[in-house]
């Protein structure tokens, strides 16, 4: 029961964060640095969840279906968040960003990868809810390949 409550609390926190940031995302950030910070924090939260799921998929830590599902839920909820942080005027590469200029010169491809990433996150969430480890592994690997493809093209 404690694990269920922990997972529910974690998910609700992400939902609240998503709702508050979605409202903020509907208008411009105060400055470009805030847009960069926003997208970096969103990616950091996703990476934290993805890393633990990866450790479970690889067998580095014991697979815990409830924990995996909670992290997949959080990952899926966060997957749509960072992209608005790339749209702010002036929020392009700088001293505090690993984003490459190719993002803005290949915007359509970047957004296509972003859309696929969000679809992969939803598929991972669905696989986690199924509890079928083979489906979970496939969905996780698909998401990981998409992450790598975007990083290879658009991250320094």
N, C-alpha and C. Protein backbone atom coordinates (compact mmCIF):
# COMPACT_ATOMS: atom_id res chain seq x y z
N UNK A 1 0.83 -1.19 0.00
CA UNK A 1 0.00 0.00 0.00
C UNK A 1 0.87 1.25 0.00
N UNK A 2 1.95 1.21 0.78
CA UNK A 2 2.85 2.35 0.86
C UNK A 2 3.44 2.68 -0.51
N UNK A 3 3.80 1.64 -1.27
CA UNK A 3 4.35 1.85 -2.62
C UNK A 3 3.32 2.46 -3.54
N UNK A 4 2.06 2.02 -3.42
CA UNK A 4 0.99 2.57 -4.26
C UNK A 4 0.78 4.04 -3.94
N UNK A 5 0.77 4.37 -2.66
CA UNK A 5 0.61 5.77 -2.27
C UNK A 5 1.79 6.62 -2.73
N UNK A 6 2.98 6.06 -2.63
CA UNK A 6 4.18 6.77 -3.09
C UNK A 6 4.09 7.03 -4.59
N UNK A 7 3.70 6.01 -5.34
CA UNK A 7 3.57 6.15 -6.80
C UNK A 7 2.49 7.15 -7.15
N UNK A 8 1.37 7.09 -6.45
CA UNK A 8 0.27 8.02 -6.72
C UNK A 8 0.70 9.44 -6.39
N UNK A 9 1.38 9.62 -5.28
CA UNK A 9 1.85 10.95 -4.90
C UNK A 9 2.85 11.49 -5.89
N UNK A 10 3.75 10.65 -6.34
CA UNK A 10 4.74 11.05 -7.34
C UNK A 10 4.06 11.48 -8.63
N UNK A 11 3.12 10.67 -9.08
CA UNK A 11 2.42 10.97 -10.32
C UNK A 11 1.60 12.26 -10.18
N UNK A 12 0.93 12.43 -9.06
CA UNK A 12 0.12 13.64 -8.86
C UNK A 12 1.01 14.88 -8.81
N UNK A 13 2.19 14.76 -8.25
CA UNK A 13 3.12 15.88 -8.25
C UNK A 13 3.52 16.27 -9.66
N UNK A 14 3.75 15.28 -10.49
CA UNK A 14 4.10 15.56 -11.89
C UNK A 14 2.91 16.18 -12.61
N UNK A 15 1.71 15.68 -12.34
CA UNK A 15 0.51 16.24 -12.97
C UNK A 15 0.36 17.71 -12.58
N UNK A 16 0.53 18.01 -11.31
CA UNK A 16 0.43 19.40 -10.86
C UNK A 16 1.50 20.25 -11.51
N UNK A 17 2.72 19.74 -11.59
CA UNK A 17 3.80 20.46 -12.25
C UNK A 17 3.48 20.67 -13.73
N UNK A 18 2.93 19.62 -14.36
CA UNK A 18 2.58 19.71 -15.78
C UNK A 18 1.52 20.78 -15.99
N UNK A 19 0.49 20.77 -15.17
CA UNK A 19 -0.58 21.74 -15.32
C UNK A 19 -0.08 23.17 -15.10
N UNK A 20 0.75 23.36 -14.09
CA UNK A 20 1.25 24.70 -13.83
C UNK A 20 2.22 25.16 -14.92
N UNK A 21 3.03 24.26 -15.43
CA UNK A 21 3.98 24.65 -16.46
C UNK A 21 3.31 24.76 -17.81
N UNK A 22 2.23 24.01 -18.03
CA UNK A 22 1.49 24.16 -19.29
C UNK A 22 0.89 25.55 -19.36
N UNK A 23 0.35 26.01 -18.26
CA UNK A 23 -0.19 27.37 -18.24
C UNK A 23 0.91 28.39 -18.50
N UNK A 24 2.08 28.18 -17.89
CA UNK A 24 3.20 29.09 -18.11
C UNK A 24 3.73 28.99 -19.53
N UNK A 25 3.64 27.81 -20.11
CA UNK A 25 4.18 27.59 -21.44
C UNK A 25 3.35 28.27 -22.52
N UNK A 26 2.12 28.69 -22.19
CA UNK A 26 1.28 29.33 -23.19
C UNK A 26 1.69 30.77 -23.47
N UNK A 27 2.65 31.29 -22.75
CA UNK A 27 3.15 32.63 -23.02
C UNK A 27 4.67 32.62 -22.95
N UNK A 28 5.26 33.70 -23.37
CA UNK A 28 6.72 33.78 -23.42
C UNK A 28 7.32 33.73 -22.01
N UNK A 29 8.53 33.20 -21.94
CA UNK A 29 9.28 33.24 -20.69
C UNK A 29 9.74 34.68 -20.47
N UNK A 30 10.14 34.98 -19.24
CA UNK A 30 10.60 36.33 -18.94
C UNK A 30 11.87 36.69 -19.70
N UNK A 31 12.71 35.68 -19.94
CA UNK A 31 13.95 35.91 -20.69
C UNK A 31 14.43 34.58 -21.24
N UNK A 32 15.35 34.63 -22.20
CA UNK A 32 15.83 33.38 -22.82
C UNK A 32 16.49 32.43 -21.84
N UNK A 33 17.18 32.95 -20.83
CA UNK A 33 17.84 32.09 -19.87
C UNK A 33 16.84 31.23 -19.11
N UNK A 34 15.67 31.79 -18.82
CA UNK A 34 14.63 31.03 -18.13
C UNK A 34 14.09 29.91 -19.03
N UNK A 35 14.00 30.16 -20.31
CA UNK A 35 13.55 29.13 -21.25
C UNK A 35 14.55 27.97 -21.29
N UNK A 36 15.83 28.31 -21.33
CA UNK A 36 16.88 27.28 -21.33
C UNK A 36 16.83 26.49 -20.03
N UNK A 37 16.72 27.19 -18.91
CA UNK A 37 16.65 26.54 -17.61
C UNK A 37 15.43 25.60 -17.54
N UNK A 38 14.31 26.05 -18.04
CA UNK A 38 13.08 25.26 -18.04
C UNK A 38 13.27 23.95 -18.79
N UNK A 39 13.78 24.03 -20.00
CA UNK A 39 13.94 22.80 -20.80
C UNK A 39 14.99 21.88 -20.18
N UNK A 40 16.06 22.46 -19.63
CA UNK A 40 17.09 21.62 -19.00
C UNK A 40 16.54 20.89 -17.78
N UNK A 41 15.73 21.55 -16.99
CA UNK A 41 15.16 20.91 -15.80
C UNK A 41 14.19 19.81 -16.20
N UNK A 42 13.40 20.05 -17.24
CA UNK A 42 12.48 19.01 -17.71
C UNK A 42 13.26 17.78 -18.18
N UNK A 43 14.32 18.00 -18.95
CA UNK A 43 15.14 16.88 -19.42
C UNK A 43 15.81 16.16 -18.25
N UNK A 44 16.25 16.90 -17.25
CA UNK A 44 16.89 16.30 -16.09
C UNK A 44 15.93 15.38 -15.34
N UNK A 45 14.71 15.82 -15.14
CA UNK A 45 13.72 14.99 -14.47
C UNK A 45 13.43 13.73 -15.28
N UNK A 46 13.33 13.88 -16.60
CA UNK A 46 13.09 12.71 -17.44
C UNK A 46 14.26 11.74 -17.35
N UNK A 47 15.48 12.26 -17.39
CA UNK A 47 16.67 11.42 -17.34
C UNK A 47 16.74 10.64 -16.03
N UNK A 48 16.38 11.30 -14.93
CA UNK A 48 16.40 10.62 -13.64
C UNK A 48 15.47 9.41 -13.63
N UNK A 49 14.28 9.56 -14.19
CA UNK A 49 13.33 8.45 -14.26
C UNK A 49 13.79 7.39 -15.25
N UNK A 50 14.29 7.82 -16.39
CA UNK A 50 14.71 6.90 -17.45
C UNK A 50 15.89 6.05 -16.99
N UNK A 51 16.81 6.65 -16.26
CA UNK A 51 18.00 5.92 -15.79
C UNK A 51 17.61 4.76 -14.87
N UNK A 52 16.68 4.99 -13.96
CA UNK A 52 16.26 3.92 -13.05
C UNK A 52 15.54 2.83 -13.84
N UNK A 53 14.68 3.23 -14.78
CA UNK A 53 14.01 2.22 -15.61
C UNK A 53 15.04 1.43 -16.41
N UNK A 54 16.05 2.09 -16.91
CA UNK A 54 17.11 1.42 -17.66
C UNK A 54 17.86 0.42 -16.81
N UNK A 55 18.14 0.80 -15.58
CA UNK A 55 18.82 -0.13 -14.67
C UNK A 55 17.97 -1.38 -14.42
N UNK A 56 16.66 -1.19 -14.35
CA UNK A 56 15.77 -2.34 -14.17
C UNK A 56 15.75 -3.21 -15.43
N UNK A 57 15.66 -2.58 -16.59
CA UNK A 57 15.61 -3.32 -17.86
C UNK A 57 16.91 -4.11 -18.06
N UNK A 58 18.03 -3.51 -17.71
CA UNK A 58 19.34 -4.17 -17.88
C UNK A 58 19.60 -5.22 -16.80
N UNK A 59 18.83 -5.18 -15.74
CA UNK A 59 19.06 -6.13 -14.65
C UNK A 59 20.09 -5.65 -13.65
N UNK A 60 20.49 -4.38 -13.74
CA UNK A 60 21.45 -3.84 -12.78
C UNK A 60 20.84 -3.68 -11.39
N UNK A 61 19.53 -3.46 -11.36
CA UNK A 61 18.79 -3.46 -10.10
C UNK A 61 17.57 -4.34 -10.30
N UNK A 62 17.02 -4.81 -9.20
CA UNK A 62 15.86 -5.71 -9.26
C UNK A 62 14.67 -4.99 -9.90
N UNK A 63 14.01 -5.70 -10.82
CA UNK A 63 12.83 -5.13 -11.46
C UNK A 63 11.69 -5.07 -10.45
N UNK A 64 11.10 -3.89 -10.33
CA UNK A 64 9.95 -3.66 -9.46
C UNK A 64 8.87 -3.04 -10.33
N UNK A 65 7.84 -3.82 -10.64
CA UNK A 65 6.80 -3.38 -11.56
C UNK A 65 6.10 -2.11 -11.14
N UNK A 66 5.83 -1.97 -9.84
CA UNK A 66 5.16 -0.75 -9.36
C UNK A 66 6.06 0.47 -9.51
N UNK A 67 7.31 0.31 -9.15
CA UNK A 67 8.26 1.43 -9.28
C UNK A 67 8.47 1.79 -10.75
N UNK A 68 8.61 0.77 -11.59
CA UNK A 68 8.80 1.02 -13.02
C UNK A 68 7.60 1.77 -13.58
N UNK A 69 6.41 1.33 -13.24
CA UNK A 69 5.19 1.98 -13.74
C UNK A 69 5.10 3.42 -13.26
N UNK A 70 5.43 3.66 -12.00
CA UNK A 70 5.40 5.03 -11.47
C UNK A 70 6.37 5.92 -12.25
N UNK A 71 7.56 5.40 -12.53
CA UNK A 71 8.55 6.18 -13.26
C UNK A 71 8.15 6.35 -14.73
N UNK A 72 7.54 5.33 -15.32
CA UNK A 72 7.06 5.45 -16.70
C UNK A 72 5.94 6.48 -16.78
N UNK A 73 5.07 6.52 -15.77
CA UNK A 73 4.01 7.54 -15.73
C UNK A 73 4.60 8.94 -15.66
N UNK A 74 5.59 9.11 -14.78
CA UNK A 74 6.24 10.41 -14.65
C UNK A 74 6.94 10.80 -15.95
N UNK A 75 7.64 9.84 -16.54
CA UNK A 75 8.37 10.08 -17.79
C UNK A 75 7.41 10.53 -18.88
N UNK A 76 6.28 9.84 -19.00
CA UNK A 76 5.30 10.20 -20.03
C UNK A 76 4.70 11.58 -19.77
N UNK A 77 4.44 11.89 -18.50
CA UNK A 77 3.88 13.20 -18.17
C UNK A 77 4.86 14.33 -18.48
N UNK A 78 6.14 14.06 -18.33
CA UNK A 78 7.18 15.07 -18.57
C UNK A 78 7.55 15.21 -20.04
N UNK A 79 7.27 14.20 -20.85
CA UNK A 79 7.78 14.14 -22.22
C UNK A 79 7.35 15.29 -23.12
N UNK A 80 6.26 15.93 -22.81
CA UNK A 80 5.82 17.05 -23.63
C UNK A 80 6.29 18.41 -23.15
N UNK A 81 7.01 18.45 -22.07
CA UNK A 81 7.33 19.72 -21.43
C UNK A 81 8.49 20.53 -22.03
N UNK A 82 9.61 19.94 -22.39
CA UNK A 82 10.77 20.78 -22.71
C UNK A 82 10.68 21.57 -24.01
N UNK A 83 9.83 21.18 -24.92
CA UNK A 83 9.88 21.69 -26.29
C UNK A 83 9.58 23.18 -26.39
N UNK A 84 8.70 23.69 -25.55
CA UNK A 84 8.39 25.12 -25.57
C UNK A 84 9.63 25.94 -25.20
N UNK A 85 10.52 25.36 -24.44
CA UNK A 85 11.74 26.06 -24.04
C UNK A 85 12.71 26.28 -25.19
N UNK A 86 12.49 25.59 -26.30
CA UNK A 86 13.31 25.81 -27.50
C UNK A 86 12.72 26.89 -28.40
N UNK A 87 11.48 27.28 -28.14
CA UNK A 87 10.78 28.22 -29.01
C UNK A 87 10.96 29.68 -28.62
N UNK A 88 11.43 29.92 -27.42
CA UNK A 88 11.60 31.29 -26.94
C UNK A 88 12.68 32.01 -27.75
N UNK A 89 12.37 33.17 -28.23
CA UNK A 89 13.34 33.98 -28.97
C UNK A 89 14.59 34.19 -28.10
N UNK A 90 15.74 33.91 -28.66
CA UNK A 90 17.01 34.11 -27.96
C UNK A 90 17.45 32.94 -27.10
N UNK A 91 16.60 31.90 -26.97
CA UNK A 91 16.94 30.76 -26.11
C UNK A 91 17.70 29.69 -26.88
N UNK A 92 18.62 30.14 -27.68
CA UNK A 92 19.41 29.24 -28.50
C UNK A 92 20.71 28.90 -27.78
N UNK A 93 21.57 28.15 -28.43
CA UNK A 93 22.80 27.72 -27.74
C UNK A 93 23.58 28.88 -27.12
N UNK A 94 24.19 28.56 -26.03
CA UNK A 94 25.01 29.54 -25.32
C UNK A 94 25.93 28.82 -24.37
N UNK A 95 26.47 29.55 -23.43
CA UNK A 95 27.43 29.00 -22.48
C UNK A 95 26.81 27.92 -21.59
N UNK A 96 25.52 28.03 -21.31
CA UNK A 96 24.89 27.12 -20.37
C UNK A 96 23.97 26.09 -21.05
N UNK A 97 24.24 25.77 -22.31
CA UNK A 97 23.37 24.85 -23.03
C UNK A 97 24.19 23.94 -23.94
N UNK A 98 23.77 22.68 -24.00
CA UNK A 98 24.39 21.73 -24.92
C UNK A 98 23.63 21.64 -26.23
N UNK A 99 22.59 22.46 -26.38
CA UNK A 99 21.79 22.46 -27.60
C UNK A 99 22.62 22.98 -28.77
N UNK A 100 22.58 22.26 -29.87
CA UNK A 100 23.32 22.67 -31.07
C UNK A 100 22.46 23.57 -31.97
N UNK A 101 23.10 24.46 -32.72
CA UNK A 101 22.35 25.32 -33.65
C UNK A 101 21.52 24.53 -34.66
N UNK A 102 21.88 23.28 -34.90
CA UNK A 102 21.14 22.44 -35.85
C UNK A 102 19.67 22.31 -35.47
N UNK A 103 19.34 22.48 -34.20
CA UNK A 103 17.93 22.42 -33.78
C UNK A 103 17.12 23.42 -34.57
N UNK A 104 17.62 24.65 -34.64
CA UNK A 104 16.85 25.73 -35.25
C UNK A 104 16.98 25.75 -36.77
N UNK A 105 18.06 25.18 -37.29
CA UNK A 105 18.18 25.12 -38.76
C UNK A 105 17.45 23.90 -39.33
N UNK A 106 17.17 22.91 -38.48
CA UNK A 106 16.43 21.70 -38.88
C UNK A 106 15.20 21.54 -37.99
N UNK A 107 14.49 22.64 -37.78
CA UNK A 107 13.39 22.67 -36.83
C UNK A 107 12.35 21.58 -37.08
N UNK A 108 11.96 21.37 -38.33
CA UNK A 108 10.93 20.37 -38.62
C UNK A 108 11.37 18.96 -38.21
N UNK A 109 12.62 18.62 -38.49
CA UNK A 109 13.14 17.31 -38.10
C UNK A 109 13.22 17.21 -36.58
N UNK A 110 13.66 18.26 -35.93
CA UNK A 110 13.75 18.28 -34.47
C UNK A 110 12.38 18.04 -33.85
N UNK A 111 11.37 18.74 -34.36
CA UNK A 111 10.02 18.58 -33.81
C UNK A 111 9.43 17.22 -34.15
N UNK A 112 9.81 16.67 -35.29
CA UNK A 112 9.38 15.30 -35.63
C UNK A 112 9.94 14.31 -34.61
N UNK A 113 11.20 14.50 -34.26
CA UNK A 113 11.83 13.64 -33.24
C UNK A 113 11.17 13.87 -31.87
N UNK A 114 10.82 15.11 -31.57
CA UNK A 114 10.15 15.42 -30.31
C UNK A 114 8.79 14.72 -30.24
N UNK A 115 8.06 14.75 -31.34
CA UNK A 115 6.75 14.08 -31.39
C UNK A 115 6.92 12.57 -31.21
N UNK A 116 7.92 12.00 -31.88
CA UNK A 116 8.16 10.56 -31.75
C UNK A 116 8.56 10.22 -30.32
N UNK A 117 9.35 11.08 -29.71
CA UNK A 117 9.76 10.88 -28.32
C UNK A 117 8.54 10.81 -27.40
N UNK A 118 7.60 11.71 -27.61
CA UNK A 118 6.38 11.72 -26.79
C UNK A 118 5.55 10.45 -27.03
N UNK A 119 5.49 10.02 -28.28
CA UNK A 119 4.79 8.77 -28.59
C UNK A 119 5.49 7.58 -27.93
N UNK A 120 6.82 7.58 -27.97
CA UNK A 120 7.58 6.50 -27.33
C UNK A 120 7.35 6.48 -25.82
N UNK A 121 7.27 7.67 -25.22
CA UNK A 121 7.03 7.76 -23.77
C UNK A 121 5.66 7.19 -23.43
N UNK A 122 4.67 7.49 -24.24
CA UNK A 122 3.32 6.95 -24.01
C UNK A 122 3.31 5.43 -24.19
N UNK A 123 4.02 4.94 -25.20
CA UNK A 123 4.10 3.50 -25.44
C UNK A 123 4.79 2.80 -24.26
N UNK A 124 5.83 3.43 -23.72
CA UNK A 124 6.52 2.87 -22.56
C UNK A 124 5.59 2.83 -21.36
N UNK A 125 4.83 3.88 -21.18
CA UNK A 125 3.86 3.92 -20.09
C UNK A 125 2.84 2.79 -20.24
N UNK A 126 2.33 2.59 -21.44
CA UNK A 126 1.35 1.53 -21.68
C UNK A 126 1.97 0.15 -21.44
N UNK A 127 3.19 -0.03 -21.91
CA UNK A 127 3.87 -1.31 -21.69
C UNK A 127 4.06 -1.57 -20.20
N UNK A 128 4.43 -0.53 -19.47
CA UNK A 128 4.62 -0.68 -18.02
C UNK A 128 3.31 -1.08 -17.35
N UNK A 129 2.22 -0.47 -17.78
CA UNK A 129 0.92 -0.80 -17.20
C UNK A 129 0.51 -2.25 -17.50
N UNK A 130 0.99 -2.78 -18.63
CA UNK A 130 0.68 -4.17 -18.99
C UNK A 130 1.39 -5.16 -18.07
N UNK A 131 2.53 -4.76 -17.54
CA UNK A 131 3.32 -5.63 -16.68
C UNK A 131 4.11 -6.69 -17.42
N UNK A 132 4.04 -6.70 -18.74
CA UNK A 132 4.75 -7.71 -19.54
C UNK A 132 6.17 -7.23 -19.80
N UNK A 133 7.14 -7.90 -19.18
CA UNK A 133 8.52 -7.43 -19.25
C UNK A 133 9.08 -7.42 -20.67
N UNK A 134 8.66 -8.34 -21.52
CA UNK A 134 9.13 -8.33 -22.90
C UNK A 134 8.64 -7.06 -23.62
N UNK A 135 7.39 -6.69 -23.41
CA UNK A 135 6.84 -5.47 -24.01
C UNK A 135 7.51 -4.23 -23.42
N UNK A 136 7.78 -4.28 -22.14
CA UNK A 136 8.45 -3.17 -21.47
C UNK A 136 9.84 -2.97 -22.06
N UNK A 137 10.59 -4.06 -22.23
CA UNK A 137 11.94 -3.98 -22.80
C UNK A 137 11.89 -3.37 -24.20
N UNK A 138 10.98 -3.85 -25.04
CA UNK A 138 10.87 -3.33 -26.41
C UNK A 138 10.54 -1.84 -26.41
N UNK A 139 9.58 -1.44 -25.60
CA UNK A 139 9.18 -0.03 -25.54
C UNK A 139 10.32 0.83 -24.99
N UNK A 140 11.03 0.31 -23.99
CA UNK A 140 12.14 1.06 -23.42
C UNK A 140 13.24 1.25 -24.47
N UNK A 141 13.58 0.19 -25.18
CA UNK A 141 14.65 0.28 -26.19
C UNK A 141 14.27 1.22 -27.32
N UNK A 142 13.01 1.24 -27.70
CA UNK A 142 12.55 2.17 -28.73
C UNK A 142 12.73 3.62 -28.27
N UNK A 143 12.33 3.89 -27.04
CA UNK A 143 12.51 5.24 -26.49
C UNK A 143 13.99 5.60 -26.40
N UNK A 144 14.81 4.65 -25.98
CA UNK A 144 16.25 4.91 -25.85
C UNK A 144 16.87 5.22 -27.21
N UNK A 145 16.46 4.48 -28.25
CA UNK A 145 16.98 4.76 -29.59
C UNK A 145 16.60 6.16 -30.05
N UNK A 146 15.38 6.57 -29.76
CA UNK A 146 14.93 7.90 -30.15
C UNK A 146 15.72 8.98 -29.39
N UNK A 147 15.93 8.76 -28.11
CA UNK A 147 16.75 9.70 -27.32
C UNK A 147 18.13 9.86 -27.95
N UNK A 148 18.75 8.74 -28.25
CA UNK A 148 20.09 8.77 -28.83
C UNK A 148 20.11 9.45 -30.19
N UNK A 149 19.12 9.19 -31.02
CA UNK A 149 19.08 9.81 -32.35
C UNK A 149 19.00 11.33 -32.24
N UNK A 150 18.21 11.80 -31.31
CA UNK A 150 18.09 13.25 -31.13
C UNK A 150 19.38 13.82 -30.56
N UNK A 151 19.95 13.16 -29.57
CA UNK A 151 21.21 13.62 -28.99
C UNK A 151 22.33 13.64 -30.04
N UNK A 152 22.38 12.61 -30.87
CA UNK A 152 23.42 12.56 -31.91
C UNK A 152 23.34 13.75 -32.86
N UNK A 153 22.14 14.19 -33.14
CA UNK A 153 21.96 15.29 -34.11
C UNK A 153 21.92 16.67 -33.47
N UNK A 154 21.44 16.75 -32.24
CA UNK A 154 21.08 18.07 -31.70
C UNK A 154 21.67 18.43 -30.34
N UNK A 155 22.52 17.58 -29.79
CA UNK A 155 23.11 17.89 -28.48
C UNK A 155 24.63 17.78 -28.57
N UNK A 156 25.30 18.76 -27.99
CA UNK A 156 26.77 18.79 -27.99
C UNK A 156 27.30 17.85 -26.94
